[in-house]
């Protein structure tokens, strides 16, 4: 099952395909914020999560549970 960050990247990569700046305007965020989310460098704010949930069909819980890039790396190292 895809996590919230993966759903974001799939939306940006697939049809209809939208660049980060356009997507940012759609959800009230800057291109820089969208870039950080796409790289798992930061989580969206609650306000942005609410807008992302409408566009992507995600939930607040999905955003909170999905690991950021550093957490993900740490989990992979621990599991190995």
C-alpha atoms as a PDB file:
ATOM      1  CA  UNK A   1       0.000   0.000   0.000  1.00  0.00           C
ATOM      2  CA  UNK A   2       1.335   3.435  -0.913  1.00  0.00           C
ATOM      3  CA  UNK A   3       2.005   5.932   1.845  1.00  0.00           C
ATOM      4  CA  UNK A   4       1.054   9.604   1.582  1.00  0.00           C
ATOM      5  CA  UNK A   5       4.432  10.710   0.188  1.00  0.00           C
ATOM      6  CA  UNK A   6       4.311   7.992  -2.472  1.00  0.00           C
ATOM      7  CA  UNK A   7       0.788   9.078  -3.444  1.00  0.00           C
ATOM      8  CA  UNK A   8       2.048  12.646  -3.823  1.00  0.00           C
ATOM      9  CA  UNK A   9       4.918  11.550  -6.072  1.00  0.00           C
ATOM     10  CA  UNK A  10       2.683   9.303  -8.141  1.00  0.00           C
ATOM     11  CA  UNK A  11       0.273  12.220  -8.648  1.00  0.00           C
ATOM     12  CA  UNK A  12       3.122  14.514  -9.717  1.00  0.00           C
ATOM     13  CA  UNK A  13       4.638  11.899 -12.043  1.00  0.00           C
ATOM     14  CA  UNK A  14       1.561  10.408 -13.658  1.00  0.00           C
ATOM     15  CA  UNK A  15      -1.288  11.620 -15.770  1.00  0.00           C
ATOM     16  CA  UNK A  16      -2.505  14.294 -15.662  1.00  0.00           C
ATOM     17  CA  UNK A  17       1.041  15.158 -14.598  1.00  0.00           C
ATOM     18  CA  UNK A  18       1.536  18.451 -12.871  1.00  0.00           C
ATOM     19  CA  UNK A  19       4.713  20.286 -11.992  1.00  0.00           C
ATOM     20  CA  UNK A  20       5.469  21.161  -8.390  1.00  0.00           C
ATOM     21  CA  UNK A  21       4.686  24.858  -8.808  1.00  0.00           C
ATOM     22  CA  UNK A  22       1.235  24.147 -10.298  1.00  0.00           C
ATOM     23  CA  UNK A  23       0.512  21.578  -7.616  1.00  0.00           C
ATOM     24  CA  UNK A  24       1.642  24.033  -4.940  1.00  0.00           C
ATOM     25  CA  UNK A  25      -0.805  26.644  -6.215  1.00  0.00           C
ATOM     26  CA  UNK A  26      -3.569  24.030  -6.135  1.00  0.00           C
ATOM     27  CA  UNK A  27      -2.960  23.256  -2.445  1.00  0.00           C
ATOM     28  CA  UNK A  28      -1.801  26.713  -1.296  1.00  0.00           C
ATOM     29  CA  UNK A  29       1.894  25.894  -0.939  1.00  0.00           C
ATOM     30  CA  UNK A  30       5.104  27.038  -2.567  1.00  0.00           C
ATOM     31  CA  UNK A  31       7.048  24.956  -5.070  1.00  0.00           C
ATOM     32  CA  UNK A  32       9.777  24.677  -2.437  1.00  0.00           C
ATOM     33  CA  UNK A  33       7.380  23.164   0.079  1.00  0.00           C
ATOM     34  CA  UNK A  34       6.109  20.653  -2.474  1.00  0.00           C
ATOM     35  CA  UNK A  35       9.711  19.745  -3.301  1.00  0.00           C
ATOM     36  CA  UNK A  36      10.456  19.064   0.383  1.00  0.00           C
ATOM     37  CA  UNK A  37       7.360  16.867   0.670  1.00  0.00           C
ATOM     38  CA  UNK A  38       8.260  14.973  -2.517  1.00  0.00           C
ATOM     39  CA  UNK A  39      11.745  14.265  -1.076  1.00  0.00           C
ATOM     40  CA  UNK A  40      10.303  13.387   2.368  1.00  0.00           C
ATOM     41  CA  UNK A  41      12.414  16.187   3.812  1.00  0.00           C
ATOM     42  CA  UNK A  42       9.473  17.620   5.773  1.00  0.00           C
ATOM     43  CA  UNK A  43       5.808  16.999   6.502  1.00  0.00           C
ATOM     44  CA  UNK A  44       3.047  19.327   5.376  1.00  0.00           C
ATOM     45  CA  UNK A  45       1.397  21.541   7.989  1.00  0.00           C
ATOM     46  CA  UNK A  46      -2.089  20.561   9.183  1.00  0.00           C
ATOM     47  CA  UNK A  47      -3.581  23.244   6.904  1.00  0.00           C
ATOM     48  CA  UNK A  48      -1.732  21.839   3.895  1.00  0.00           C
ATOM     49  CA  UNK A  49      -2.572  18.254   4.901  1.00  0.00           C
ATOM     50  CA  UNK A  50      -6.256  19.100   4.773  1.00  0.00           C
ATOM     51  CA  UNK A  51      -5.885  20.389   1.207  1.00  0.00           C
ATOM     52  CA  UNK A  52      -3.632  17.493   0.187  1.00  0.00           C
ATOM     53  CA  UNK A  53      -6.153  15.018   1.571  1.00  0.00           C
ATOM     54  CA  UNK A  54      -8.839  16.431  -0.735  1.00  0.00           C
ATOM     55  CA  UNK A  55      -6.618  16.301  -3.817  1.00  0.00           C
ATOM     56  CA  UNK A  56      -4.795  13.018  -3.172  1.00  0.00           C
ATOM     57  CA  UNK A  57      -7.387  11.082  -1.185  1.00  0.00           C
ATOM     58  CA  UNK A  58      -4.993  10.781   1.757  1.00  0.00           C
ATOM     59  CA  UNK A  59      -5.677  11.108   5.484  1.00  0.00           C
ATOM     60  CA  UNK A  60      -3.964  12.957   8.329  1.00  0.00           C
ATOM     61  CA  UNK A  61      -2.961   9.615   9.795  1.00  0.00           C
ATOM     62  CA  UNK A  62      -1.226   8.587   6.566  1.00  0.00           C
ATOM     63  CA  UNK A  63       0.898  11.744   6.607  1.00  0.00           C
ATOM     64  CA  UNK A  64       1.851  11.266  10.256  1.00  0.00           C
ATOM     65  CA  UNK A  65       2.687   7.567   9.891  1.00  0.00           C
ATOM     66  CA  UNK A  66       4.715   7.895   6.668  1.00  0.00           C
ATOM     67  CA  UNK A  67       8.403   8.156   7.563  1.00  0.00           C
ATOM     68  CA  UNK A  68      10.510  11.097   6.516  1.00  0.00           C
ATOM     69  CA  UNK A  69      13.674  10.306   4.544  1.00  0.00           C
ATOM     70  CA  UNK A  70      15.988  10.203   7.588  1.00  0.00           C
ATOM     71  CA  UNK A  71      13.528   8.056   9.564  1.00  0.00           C
ATOM     72  CA  UNK A  72      13.212   5.743   6.607  1.00  0.00           C
ATOM     73  CA  UNK A  73      16.990   5.330   6.285  1.00  0.00           C
ATOM     74  CA  UNK A  74      17.288   4.673  10.021  1.00  0.00           C
ATOM     75  CA  UNK A  75      14.568   1.986   9.876  1.00  0.00           C
ATOM     76  CA  UNK A  76      16.253   0.305   6.912  1.00  0.00           C
ATOM     77  CA  UNK A  77      19.616   0.244   8.719  1.00  0.00           C
ATOM     78  CA  UNK A  78      18.002  -1.189  11.856  1.00  0.00           C
ATOM     79  CA  UNK A  79      16.126  -3.879   9.899  1.00  0.00           C
ATOM     80  CA  UNK A  80      19.290  -5.043   8.080  1.00  0.00           C
END
